[in-house]
Amino acid sequence: MTGFYRDGCCNTGAGDFGVHVVCAQVTTAFLSYTRAQGNDLSTPMPMYNFPGLQPGDRWCLCAARWKEAYDDGVAPPVVLTATHEAALKTVPLKLLRECSLDAEATS
């Protein structure tokens, strides 16, 4: 289950201080990058019912972390149709489209 609220969506609200709104398909490079930044998303954490992510999994990322990864050349691809519009407060639509897996984003 992805999303801050574990509802399968990249919804956000007052309690989501990290703004987990960018739906991304994680890559090996991104998982290594975010681990090096102090956020290990690949190691299972059973106490939080978190199995750990594998390359190809989809996950709602913090908009600021996705942008940071983009700036460092390791941003994972985005599922634009599943990304919350709140991402636009941090990431320009142009960048999300550039990295989008969605067919309509390229037309």
Protein backbone atom coordinates (compact mmCIF):
# COMPACT_ATOMS: atom_id res chain seq x y z
CA MET A 1 0.00 0.00 0.00
CA THR A 2 1.54 3.28 -1.02
CA GLY A 3 0.83 6.83 -0.06
CA PHE A 4 1.26 8.70 3.19
CA TYR A 5 -2.18 7.54 4.30
CA ARG A 6 -1.58 3.98 2.98
CA ASP A 7 -4.70 4.27 0.86
CA GLY A 8 -3.07 3.33 -2.43
CA CYS A 9 -3.04 6.94 -3.63
CA CYS A 10 -0.65 9.87 -3.39
CA ASN A 11 -3.10 11.86 -1.28
CA THR A 12 -1.85 14.52 1.09
CA GLY A 13 -3.18 16.48 4.01
CA ALA A 14 -2.26 18.41 7.12
CA GLY A 15 -0.42 15.48 8.69
CA ASP A 16 1.77 14.81 5.64
CA PHE A 17 4.71 17.06 6.47
CA GLY A 18 6.88 15.40 3.80
CA VAL A 19 4.28 16.01 1.07
CA HIS A 20 4.37 12.44 -0.34
CA VAL A 21 2.70 13.30 -3.64
CA VAL A 22 4.94 12.23 -6.54
CA CYS A 23 3.97 8.77 -7.76
CA ALA A 24 7.24 7.27 -8.97
CA GLN A 25 8.44 3.93 -10.23
CA VAL A 26 11.60 3.51 -8.19
CA THR A 27 14.89 2.52 -9.76
CA THR A 28 18.06 0.96 -8.40
CA ALA A 29 19.84 4.30 -8.81
CA PHE A 30 17.14 6.18 -6.89
CA LEU A 31 17.00 3.62 -4.08
CA SER A 32 20.78 3.86 -3.65
CA TYR A 33 20.60 7.64 -3.79
CA THR A 34 17.85 8.02 -1.20
CA ARG A 35 19.60 5.50 1.10
CA ALA A 36 22.74 7.66 0.92
CA GLN A 37 20.57 10.66 1.85
CA GLY A 38 19.39 8.87 5.01
CA ASN A 39 16.08 7.44 3.81
CA ASP A 40 16.47 3.71 3.17
CA LEU A 41 13.40 2.61 1.24
CA SER A 42 14.74 -0.81 0.21
CA THR A 43 15.22 -2.43 3.62
CA PRO A 44 12.13 -4.16 5.02
CA MET A 45 10.82 -2.75 8.30
CA PRO A 46 8.35 -5.34 9.65
CA MET A 47 7.49 -3.18 12.69
CA TYR A 48 5.90 -0.69 10.26
CA ASN A 49 4.49 -3.41 7.98
CA PHE A 50 6.87 -2.14 5.28
CA PRO A 51 8.30 -4.83 2.98
CA GLY A 52 10.97 -2.60 1.43
CA LEU A 53 10.89 -1.39 -2.15
CA GLN A 54 12.40 -3.11 -5.16
CA PRO A 55 13.25 -1.49 -8.51
CA GLY A 56 10.02 -1.20 -10.49
CA ASP A 57 7.80 -0.72 -7.44
CA ARG A 58 5.61 2.35 -7.42
CA TRP A 59 5.70 4.59 -4.37
CA CYS A 60 4.56 8.07 -3.38
CA LEU A 61 7.72 10.10 -2.88
CA CYS A 62 8.18 13.41 -1.12
CA ALA A 63 8.09 16.11 -3.77
CA ALA A 64 11.24 17.74 -2.39
CA ARG A 65 13.21 14.45 -2.46
CA TRP A 66 12.09 13.73 -6.02
CA LYS A 67 13.21 17.24 -7.08
CA GLU A 68 16.51 16.80 -5.25
CA ALA A 69 17.05 13.48 -7.06
CA TYR A 70 16.15 15.16 -10.35
CA ASP A 71 18.72 17.89 -9.74
CA ASP A 72 21.30 15.17 -9.01
CA GLY A 73 20.41 13.17 -12.13
CA VAL A 74 18.76 10.14 -10.48
CA ALA A 75 15.04 10.97 -10.39
CA PRO A 76 12.88 7.91 -10.95
CA PRO A 77 10.19 7.99 -13.65
CA VAL A 78 6.85 9.51 -12.67
CA VAL A 79 3.31 8.21 -13.08
CA LEU A 80 1.90 11.62 -13.85
CA THR A 81 -1.75 10.58 -13.75
CA ALA A 82 -1.27 9.28 -10.18
CA THR A 83 0.78 12.24 -8.94
CA HIS A 84 -1.10 14.71 -6.73
CA GLU A 85 -1.37 18.29 -7.99
CA ALA A 86 0.27 19.46 -4.74
CA ALA A 87 3.57 18.33 -6.31
CA LEU A 88 3.41 21.44 -8.48
CA LYS A 89 4.19 23.60 -5.44
CA THR A 90 7.68 22.06 -5.44
CA VAL A 91 8.26 20.60 -8.91
CA PRO A 92 7.50 22.33 -12.21
CA LEU A 93 5.09 20.40 -14.44
CA LYS A 94 7.69 20.51 -17.21
CA LEU A 95 10.05 18.34 -15.15
CA LEU A 96 7.34 15.87 -14.19
CA ARG A 97 6.32 15.55 -17.84
CA GLU A 98 9.94 15.09 -18.86
CA CYS A 99 10.20 12.09 -16.55
CA SER A 100 6.68 10.77 -17.04
CA LEU A 101 5.78 7.18 -17.88
CA ASP A 102 2.34 8.33 -19.03
CA ALA A 103 1.87 8.28 -22.80
CA GLU A 104 -0.23 11.45 -22.90
CA ALA A 105 2.50 13.44 -21.15
CA THR A 106 4.76 13.11 -24.19
CA SER A 107 2.24 14.37 -26.71
